[in-house]
């Protein structure tokens, strides 16, 4: 059952992303401007996902190695930059 629900969730996320992309492409803005905006948003989303995955993997590694995760100043600064970039 877990496999089927994860497939449904993945299909829903994919459908949502596809719908947003198509909606942006048919938006009343100039095509080149819309494509640039879409590319910028997708790159930002990819960076955010990459950062999140990296942080989660680091936390997971520290749990399995028995070490406590300590947040560094650089991590907080990166998180702040991500928040302002996504705003």
PDB file of N, CA and C in Angstrom:
ATOM      1  N   UNK A   1       0.819  -1.190   0.000  1.00  0.00           N
ATOM      2  CA  UNK A   1       0.000   0.000   0.000  1.00  0.00           C
ATOM      3  C   UNK A   1       0.861   1.252   0.000  1.00  0.00           C
ATOM      4  N   UNK A   2       2.012   1.204   0.664  1.00  0.00           N
ATOM      5  CA  UNK A   2       2.884   2.371   0.714  1.00  0.00           C
ATOM      6  C   UNK A   2       3.412   2.714  -0.668  1.00  0.00           C
ATOM      7  N   UNK A   3       3.651   1.689  -1.476  1.00  0.00           N
ATOM      8  CA  UNK A   3       4.151   1.951  -2.824  1.00  0.00           C
ATOM      9  C   UNK A   3       3.100   2.672  -3.663  1.00  0.00           C
ATOM     10  N   UNK A   4       1.861   2.235  -3.571  1.00  0.00           N
ATOM     11  CA  UNK A   4       0.821   2.848  -4.394  1.00  0.00           C
ATOM     12  C   UNK A   4       0.540   4.278  -3.948  1.00  0.00           C
ATOM     13  N   UNK A   5       0.564   4.549  -2.658  1.00  0.00           N
ATOM     14  CA  UNK A   5       0.308   5.914  -2.198  1.00  0.00           C
ATOM     15  C   UNK A   5       1.470   6.835  -2.562  1.00  0.00           C
ATOM     16  N   UNK A   6       2.689   6.319  -2.552  1.00  0.00           N
ATOM     17  CA  UNK A   6       3.817   7.160  -2.950  1.00  0.00           C
ATOM     18  C   UNK A   6       3.773   7.444  -4.450  1.00  0.00           C
ATOM     19  N   UNK A   7       3.291   6.481  -5.232  1.00  0.00           N
ATOM     20  CA  UNK A   7       3.147   6.707  -6.670  1.00  0.00           C
ATOM     21  C   UNK A   7       2.078   7.761  -6.938  1.00  0.00           C
ATOM     22  N   UNK A   8       1.001   7.719  -6.190  1.00  0.00           N
ATOM     23  CA  UNK A   8      -0.074   8.703  -6.354  1.00  0.00           C
ATOM     24  C   UNK A   8       0.438  10.090  -5.979  1.00  0.00           C
ATOM     25  N   UNK A   9       1.183  10.176  -4.893  1.00  0.00           N
ATOM     26  CA  UNK A   9       1.740  11.455  -4.461  1.00  0.00           C
ATOM     27  C   UNK A   9       2.704  11.997  -5.506  1.00  0.00           C
ATOM     28  N   UNK A  10       3.572  11.155  -6.021  1.00  0.00           N
ATOM     29  CA  UNK A  10       4.527  11.569  -7.044  1.00  0.00           C
ATOM     30  C   UNK A  10       3.804  12.017  -8.312  1.00  0.00           C
ATOM     31  N   UNK A  11       2.779  11.296  -8.708  1.00  0.00           N
ATOM     32  CA  UNK A  11       2.004  11.671  -9.894  1.00  0.00           C
ATOM     33  C   UNK A  11       1.295  13.009  -9.667  1.00  0.00           C
ATOM     34  N   UNK A  12       0.787  13.228  -8.472  1.00  0.00           N
ATOM     35  CA  UNK A  12       0.128  14.500  -8.155  1.00  0.00           C
ATOM     36  C   UNK A  12       1.091  15.666  -8.210  1.00  0.00           C
ATOM     37  N   UNK A  13       2.282  15.481  -7.664  1.00  0.00           N
ATOM     38  CA  UNK A  13       3.298  16.536  -7.691  1.00  0.00           C
ATOM     39  C   UNK A  13       3.712  16.820  -9.134  1.00  0.00           C
ATOM     40  N   UNK A  14       3.911  15.773  -9.906  1.00  0.00           N
ATOM     41  CA  UNK A  14       4.285  15.943 -11.311  1.00  0.00           C
ATOM     42  C   UNK A  14       3.175  16.663 -12.082  1.00  0.00           C
ATOM     43  N   UNK A  15       1.951  16.298 -11.841  1.00  0.00           N
ATOM     44  CA  UNK A  15       0.826  16.947 -12.508  1.00  0.00           C
ATOM     45  C   UNK A  15       0.706  18.410 -12.130  1.00  0.00           C
ATOM     46  N   UNK A  16       0.928  18.716 -10.869  1.00  0.00           N
ATOM     47  CA  UNK A  16       0.878  20.100 -10.399  1.00  0.00           C
ATOM     48  C   UNK A  16       1.970  20.924 -11.068  1.00  0.00           C
ATOM     49  N   UNK A  17       3.188  20.387 -11.093  1.00  0.00           N
ATOM     50  CA  UNK A  17       4.297  21.102 -11.720  1.00  0.00           C
ATOM     51  C   UNK A  17       4.046  21.314 -13.209  1.00  0.00           C
ATOM     52  N   UNK A  18       3.507  20.302 -13.878  1.00  0.00           N
ATOM     53  CA  UNK A  18       3.205  20.419 -15.302  1.00  0.00           C
ATOM     54  C   UNK A  18       2.130  21.470 -15.538  1.00  0.00           C
ATOM     55  N   UNK A  19       1.107  21.471 -14.714  1.00  0.00           N
ATOM     56  CA  UNK A  19       0.041  22.464 -14.844  1.00  0.00           C
ATOM     57  C   UNK A  19       0.537  23.881 -14.640  1.00  0.00           C
ATOM     58  N   UNK A  20       1.403  24.068 -13.676  1.00  0.00           N
ATOM     59  CA  UNK A  20       1.968  25.402 -13.430  1.00  0.00           C
ATOM     60  C   UNK A  20       2.805  25.844 -14.626  1.00  0.00           C
ATOM     61  N   UNK A  21       3.634  24.934 -15.127  1.00  0.00           N
ATOM     62  CA  UNK A  21       4.489  25.269 -16.268  1.00  0.00           C
ATOM     63  C   UNK A  21       3.650  25.630 -17.491  1.00  0.00           C
ATOM     64  N   UNK A  22       2.626  24.859 -17.775  1.00  0.00           N
ATOM     65  CA  UNK A  22       1.759  25.149 -18.925  1.00  0.00           C
ATOM     66  C   UNK A  22       1.010  26.467 -18.715  1.00  0.00           C
ATOM     67  N   UNK A  23       0.551  26.699 -17.499  1.00  0.00           N
ATOM     68  CA  UNK A  23      -0.130  27.955 -17.201  1.00  0.00           C
ATOM     69  C   UNK A  23       0.773  29.153 -17.405  1.00  0.00           C
ATOM     70  N   UNK A  24       2.024  29.033 -17.010  1.00  0.00           N
ATOM     71  CA  UNK A  24       2.961  30.130 -17.218  1.00  0.00           C
ATOM     72  C   UNK A  24       3.257  30.347 -18.696  1.00  0.00           C
ATOM     73  N   UNK A  25       3.321  29.265 -19.444  1.00  0.00           N
ATOM     74  CA  UNK A  25       3.604  29.400 -20.871  1.00  0.00           C
ATOM     75  C   UNK A  25       2.452  30.063 -21.626  1.00  0.00           C
ATOM     76  N   UNK A  26       1.220  29.899 -21.133  1.00  0.00           N
ATOM     77  CA  UNK A  26       0.072  30.516 -21.784  1.00  0.00           C
ATOM     78  C   UNK A  26      -0.341  31.824 -21.120  1.00  0.00           C
ATOM     79  N   UNK A  27       0.469  32.315 -20.213  1.00  0.00           N
ATOM     80  CA  UNK A  27       0.180  33.573 -19.524  1.00  0.00           C
ATOM     81  C   UNK A  27       0.243  34.735 -20.516  1.00  0.00           C
ATOM     82  N   UNK A  28      -0.421  35.835 -20.194  1.00  0.00           N
ATOM     83  CA  UNK A  28      -0.480  36.955 -21.139  1.00  0.00           C
ATOM     84  C   UNK A  28       0.816  37.765 -21.254  1.00  0.00           C
ATOM     85  N   UNK A  29       1.903  37.333 -20.643  1.00  0.00           N
ATOM     86  CA  UNK A  29       3.173  38.051 -20.762  1.00  0.00           C
ATOM     87  C   UNK A  29       3.872  37.633 -22.055  1.00  0.00           C
ATOM     88  N   UNK A  30       4.858  38.410 -22.451  1.00  0.00           N
ATOM     89  CA  UNK A  30       5.637  38.110 -23.641  1.00  0.00           C
ATOM     90  C   UNK A  30       6.326  36.750 -23.452  1.00  0.00           C
ATOM     91  N   UNK A  31       6.365  35.947 -24.488  1.00  0.00           N
ATOM     92  CA  UNK A  31       6.888  34.582 -24.395  1.00  0.00           C
ATOM     93  C   UNK A  31       8.306  34.496 -23.872  1.00  0.00           C
ATOM     94  N   UNK A  32       9.197  35.344 -24.378  1.00  0.00           N
ATOM     95  CA  UNK A  32      10.592  35.290 -23.938  1.00  0.00           C
ATOM     96  C   UNK A  32      10.705  35.663 -22.460  1.00  0.00           C
ATOM     97  N   UNK A  33       9.909  36.630 -22.031  1.00  0.00           N
ATOM     98  CA  UNK A  33       9.931  37.039 -20.625  1.00  0.00           C
ATOM     99  C   UNK A  33       9.394  35.910 -19.738  1.00  0.00           C
ATOM    100  N   UNK A  34       8.334  35.269 -20.185  1.00  0.00           N
ATOM    101  CA  UNK A  34       7.751  34.168 -19.416  1.00  0.00           C
ATOM    102  C   UNK A  34       8.728  33.001 -19.317  1.00  0.00           C
ATOM    103  N   UNK A  35       9.411  32.677 -20.415  1.00  0.00           N
ATOM    104  CA  UNK A  35      10.381  31.578 -20.388  1.00  0.00           C
ATOM    105  C   UNK A  35      11.543  31.891 -19.456  1.00  0.00           C
ATOM    106  N   UNK A  36      12.008  33.154 -19.473  1.00  0.00           N
ATOM    107  CA  UNK A  36      13.086  33.548 -18.563  1.00  0.00           C
ATOM    108  C   UNK A  36      12.638  33.427 -17.108  1.00  0.00           C
ATOM    109  N   UNK A  37      11.415  33.881 -16.834  1.00  0.00           N
ATOM    110  CA  UNK A  37      10.879  33.806 -15.478  1.00  0.00           C
ATOM    111  C   UNK A  37      10.735  32.351 -15.034  1.00  0.00           C
ATOM    112  N   UNK A  38      10.238  31.508 -15.937  1.00  0.00           N
ATOM    113  CA  UNK A  38      10.081  30.090 -15.637  1.00  0.00           C
ATOM    114  C   UNK A  38      11.429  29.435 -15.364  1.00  0.00           C
ATOM    115  N   UNK A  39      12.418  29.752 -16.188  1.00  0.00           N
ATOM    116  CA  UNK A  39      13.759  29.190 -15.995  1.00  0.00           C
ATOM    117  C   UNK A  39      14.331  29.622 -14.644  1.00  0.00           C
ATOM    118  N   UNK A  40      14.159  30.895 -14.308  1.00  0.00           N
ATOM    119  CA  UNK A  40      14.673  31.412 -13.043  1.00  0.00           C
ATOM    120  C   UNK A  40      14.018  30.697 -11.857  1.00  0.00           C
ATOM    121  N   UNK A  41      12.713  30.521 -11.923  1.00  0.00           N
ATOM    122  CA  UNK A  41      11.997  29.858 -10.833  1.00  0.00           C
ATOM    123  C   UNK A  41      12.387  28.383 -10.716  1.00  0.00           C
ATOM    124  N   UNK A  42      12.542  27.720 -11.862  1.00  0.00           N
ATOM    125  CA  UNK A  42      12.933  26.310 -11.827  1.00  0.00           C
ATOM    126  C   UNK A  42      14.350  26.139 -11.298  1.00  0.00           C
ATOM    127  N   UNK A  43      15.251  27.040 -11.662  1.00  0.00           N
ATOM    128  CA  UNK A  43      16.618  26.969 -11.152  1.00  0.00           C
ATOM    129  C   UNK A  43      16.632  27.207  -9.637  1.00  0.00           C
ATOM    130  N   UNK A  44      15.825  28.148  -9.187  1.00  0.00           N
ATOM    131  CA  UNK A  44      15.726  28.415  -7.758  1.00  0.00           C
ATOM    132  C   UNK A  44      15.164  27.205  -7.022  1.00  0.00           C
ATOM    133  N   UNK A  45      14.142  26.596  -7.608  1.00  0.00           N
ATOM    134  CA  UNK A  45      13.561  25.398  -7.004  1.00  0.00           C
ATOM    135  C   UNK A  45      14.580  24.268  -6.958  1.00  0.00           C
ATOM    136  N   UNK A  46      15.340  24.095  -8.026  1.00  0.00           N
ATOM    137  CA  UNK A  46      16.358  23.045  -8.064  1.00  0.00           C
ATOM    138  C   UNK A  46      17.429  23.280  -7.001  1.00  0.00           C
ATOM    139  N   UNK A  47      17.851  24.541  -6.825  1.00  0.00           N
ATOM    140  CA  UNK A  47      18.839  24.862  -5.793  1.00  0.00           C
ATOM    141  C   UNK A  47      18.288  24.575  -4.400  1.00  0.00           C
ATOM    142  N   UNK A  48      17.046  24.940  -4.179  1.00  0.00           N
ATOM    143  CA  UNK A  48      16.419  24.697  -2.880  1.00  0.00           C
ATOM    144  C   UNK A  48      16.337  23.207  -2.587  1.00  0.00           C
ATOM    145  N   UNK A  49      15.915  22.435  -3.575  1.00  0.00           N
ATOM    146  CA  UNK A  49      15.818  20.989  -3.398  1.00  0.00           C
ATOM    147  C   UNK A  49      17.197  20.404  -3.142  1.00  0.00           C
ATOM    148  N   UNK A  50      18.193  20.859  -3.885  1.00  0.00           N
ATOM    149  CA  UNK A  50      19.554  20.365  -3.700  1.00  0.00           C
ATOM    150  C   UNK A  50      20.056  20.662  -2.282  1.00  0.00           C
ATOM    151  N   UNK A  51      19.817  21.893  -1.816  1.00  0.00           N
ATOM    152  CA  UNK A  51      20.225  22.262  -0.464  1.00  0.00           C
ATOM    153  C   UNK A  51      19.519  21.411   0.584  1.00  0.00           C
ATOM    154  N   UNK A  52      18.211  21.218   0.404  1.00  0.00           N
ATOM    155  CA  UNK A  52      17.450  20.418   1.356  1.00  0.00           C
ATOM    156  C   UNK A  52      17.934  18.972   1.392  1.00  0.00           C
ATOM    157  N   UNK A  53      18.163  18.396   0.222  1.00  0.00           N
ATOM    158  CA  UNK A  53      18.630  17.012   0.157  1.00  0.00           C
ATOM    159  C   UNK A  53      20.013  16.888   0.803  1.00  0.00           C
ATOM    160  N   UNK A  54      20.888  17.858   0.524  1.00  0.00           N
ATOM    161  CA  UNK A  54      22.221  17.837   1.122  1.00  0.00           C
ATOM    162  C   UNK A  54      22.140  17.909   2.643  1.00  0.00           C
ATOM    163  N   UNK A  55      21.285  18.805   3.147  1.00  0.00           N
ATOM    164  CA  UNK A  55      21.120  18.934   4.596  1.00  0.00           C
ATOM    165  C   UNK A  55      20.542  17.657   5.208  1.00  0.00           C
ATOM    166  N   UNK A  56      19.556  17.076   4.542  1.00  0.00           N
ATOM    167  CA  UNK A  56      18.941  15.846   5.067  1.00  0.00           C
ATOM    168  C   UNK A  56      19.933  14.694   5.055  1.00  0.00           C
ATOM    169  N   UNK A  57      20.721  14.586   3.987  1.00  0.00           N
ATOM    170  CA  UNK A  57      21.727  13.523   3.924  1.00  0.00           C
ATOM    171  C   UNK A  57      22.791  13.704   4.995  1.00  0.00           C
ATOM    172  N   UNK A  58      23.195  14.944   5.230  1.00  0.00           N
ATOM    173  CA  UNK A  58      24.166  15.222   6.287  1.00  0.00           C
ATOM    174  C   UNK A  58      23.630  14.842   7.656  1.00  0.00           C
ATOM    175  N   UNK A  59      22.360  15.173   7.898  1.00  0.00           N
ATOM    176  CA  UNK A  59      21.742  14.814   9.173  1.00  0.00           C
ATOM    177  C   UNK A  59      21.619  13.306   9.310  1.00  0.00           C
ATOM    178  N   UNK A  60      21.255  12.648   8.220  1.00  0.00           N
ATOM    179  CA  UNK A  60      21.120  11.197   8.236  1.00  0.00           C
ATOM    180  C   UNK A  60      22.469  10.528   8.486  1.00  0.00           C
ATOM    181  N   UNK A  61      23.513  11.025   7.850  1.00  0.00           N
ATOM    182  CA  UNK A  61      24.859  10.471   8.053  1.00  0.00           C
ATOM    183  C   UNK A  61      25.300  10.633   9.501  1.00  0.00           C
ATOM    184  N   UNK A  62      25.013  11.810  10.077  1.00  0.00           N
ATOM    185  CA  UNK A  62      25.426  12.044  11.454  1.00  0.00           C
ATOM    186  C   UNK A  62      24.656  11.153  12.425  1.00  0.00           C
ATOM    187  N   UNK A  63      23.403  10.860  12.117  1.00  0.00           N
ATOM    188  CA  UNK A  63      22.617   9.971  12.975  1.00  0.00           C
ATOM    189  C   UNK A  63      23.199   8.567  12.946  1.00  0.00           C
ATOM    190  N   UNK A  64      23.532   8.091  11.755  1.00  0.00           N
ATOM    191  CA  UNK A  64      24.055   6.742  11.639  1.00  0.00           C
ATOM    192  C   UNK A  64      25.495   6.616  12.116  1.00  0.00           C
ATOM    193  N   UNK A  65      26.239   7.712  12.115  1.00  0.00           N
ATOM    194  CA  UNK A  65      27.618   7.643  12.605  1.00  0.00           C
ATOM    195  C   UNK A  65      27.688   7.898  14.104  1.00  0.00           C
ATOM    196  N   UNK A  66      26.560   8.304  14.703  1.00  0.00           N
ATOM    197  CA  UNK A  66      26.507   8.519  16.152  1.00  0.00           C
ATOM    198  C   UNK A  66      26.947   9.902  16.573  1.00  0.00           C
ATOM    199  N   UNK A  67      27.180  10.783  15.637  1.00  0.00           N
ATOM    200  CA  UNK A  67      27.595  12.140  15.956  1.00  0.00           C
ATOM    201  C   UNK A  67      26.371  13.041  16.045  1.00  0.00           C
ATOM    202  N   UNK A  68      26.499  14.101  16.834  1.00  0.00           N
ATOM    203  CA  UNK A  68      25.439  15.088  16.925  1.00  0.00           C
ATOM    204  C   UNK A  68      25.647  16.115  15.835  1.00  0.00           C
ATOM    205  N   UNK A  69      24.561  16.550  15.222  1.00  0.00           N
ATOM    206  CA  UNK A  69      24.653  17.549  14.159  1.00  0.00           C
ATOM    207  C   UNK A  69      24.755  18.925  14.787  1.00  0.00           C
ATOM    208  N   UNK A  70      25.792  19.658  14.378  1.00  0.00           N
ATOM    209  CA  UNK A  70      25.962  21.022  14.857  1.00  0.00           C
ATOM    210  C   UNK A  70      25.773  21.961  13.680  1.00  0.00           C
ATOM    211  N   UNK A  71      24.913  22.950  13.864  1.00  0.00           N
ATOM    212  CA  UNK A  71      24.665  23.904  12.784  1.00  0.00           C
ATOM    213  C   UNK A  71      25.773  24.946  12.789  1.00  0.00           C
ATOM    214  N   UNK A  72      26.352  25.164  11.631  1.00  0.00           N
ATOM    215  CA  UNK A  72      27.418  26.139  11.490  1.00  0.00           C
ATOM    216  C   UNK A  72      26.843  27.461  11.027  1.00  0.00           C
ATOM    217  N   UNK A  73      27.639  28.533  11.195  1.00  0.00           N
ATOM    218  CA  UNK A  73      27.178  29.844  10.754  1.00  0.00           C
ATOM    219  C   UNK A  73      26.925  29.851   9.261  1.00  0.00           C
ATOM    220  N   UNK A  74      27.727  29.157   8.492  1.00  0.00           N
ATOM    221  CA  UNK A  74      27.569  29.100   7.050  1.00  0.00           C
ATOM    222  C   UNK A  74      26.233  28.500   6.659  1.00  0.00           C
ATOM    223  N   UNK A  75      25.780  27.471   7.389  1.00  0.00           N
ATOM    224  CA  UNK A  75      24.488  26.862   7.103  1.00  0.00           C
ATOM    225  C   UNK A  75      23.353  27.847   7.330  1.00  0.00           C
ATOM    226  N   UNK A  76      23.438  28.621   8.396  1.00  0.00           N
ATOM    227  CA  UNK A  76      22.394  29.602   8.683  1.00  0.00           C
ATOM    228  C   UNK A  76      22.387  30.695   7.620  1.00  0.00           C
ATOM    229  N   UNK A  77      23.569  31.104   7.183  1.00  0.00           N
ATOM    230  CA  UNK A  77      23.642  32.135   6.157  1.00  0.00           C
ATOM    231  C   UNK A  77      23.070  31.614   4.847  1.00  0.00           C
ATOM    232  N   UNK A  78      23.388  30.371   4.489  1.00  0.00           N
ATOM    233  CA  UNK A  78      22.863  29.773   3.269  1.00  0.00           C
ATOM    234  C   UNK A  78      21.350  29.685   3.334  1.00  0.00           C
ATOM    235  N   UNK A  79      20.820  29.283   4.474  1.00  0.00           N
ATOM    236  CA  UNK A  79      19.366  29.181   4.636  1.00  0.00           C
ATOM    237  C   UNK A  79      18.719  30.551   4.483  1.00  0.00           C
ATOM    238  N   UNK A  80      19.341  31.581   5.047  1.00  0.00           N
ATOM    239  CA  UNK A  80      18.815  32.941   4.918  1.00  0.00           C
ATOM    240  C   UNK A  80      18.821  33.419   3.475  1.00  0.00           C
ATOM    241  N   UNK A  81      19.895  33.082   2.757  1.00  0.00           N
ATOM    242  CA  UNK A  81      19.973  33.457   1.341  1.00  0.00           C
ATOM    243  C   UNK A  81      18.890  32.742   0.539  1.00  0.00           C
ATOM    244  N   UNK A  82      18.616  31.492   0.870  1.00  0.00           N
ATOM    245  CA  UNK A  82      17.572  30.747   0.171  1.00  0.00           C
ATOM    246  C   UNK A  82      16.201  31.382   0.402  1.00  0.00           C
ATOM    247  N   UNK A  83      15.960  31.809   1.624  1.00  0.00           N
ATOM    248  CA  UNK A  83      14.669  32.405   1.946  1.00  0.00           C
ATOM    249  C   UNK A  83      14.486  33.703   1.168  1.00  0.00           C
ATOM    250  N   UNK A  84      15.521  34.544   1.142  1.00  0.00           N
ATOM    251  CA  UNK A  84      15.386  35.813   0.433  1.00  0.00           C
ATOM    252  C   UNK A  84      15.322  35.602  -1.070  1.00  0.00           C
ATOM    253  N   UNK A  85      15.998  34.589  -1.588  1.00  0.00           N
ATOM    254  CA  UNK A  85      15.973  34.315  -3.022  1.00  0.00           C
ATOM    255  C   UNK A  85      14.592  33.823  -3.434  1.00  0.00           C
ATOM    256  N   UNK A  86      13.923  33.062  -2.587  1.00  0.00           N
ATOM    257  CA  UNK A  86      12.622  32.487  -2.925  1.00  0.00           C
ATOM    258  C   UNK A  86      11.475  33.459  -2.680  1.00  0.00           C
ATOM    259  N   UNK A  87      11.751  34.559  -2.015  1.00  0.00           N
ATOM    260  CA  UNK A  87      10.682  35.519  -1.694  1.00  0.00           C
ATOM    261  C   UNK A  87      10.269  36.314  -2.899  1.00  0.00           C
TER     262      UNK A  87
END
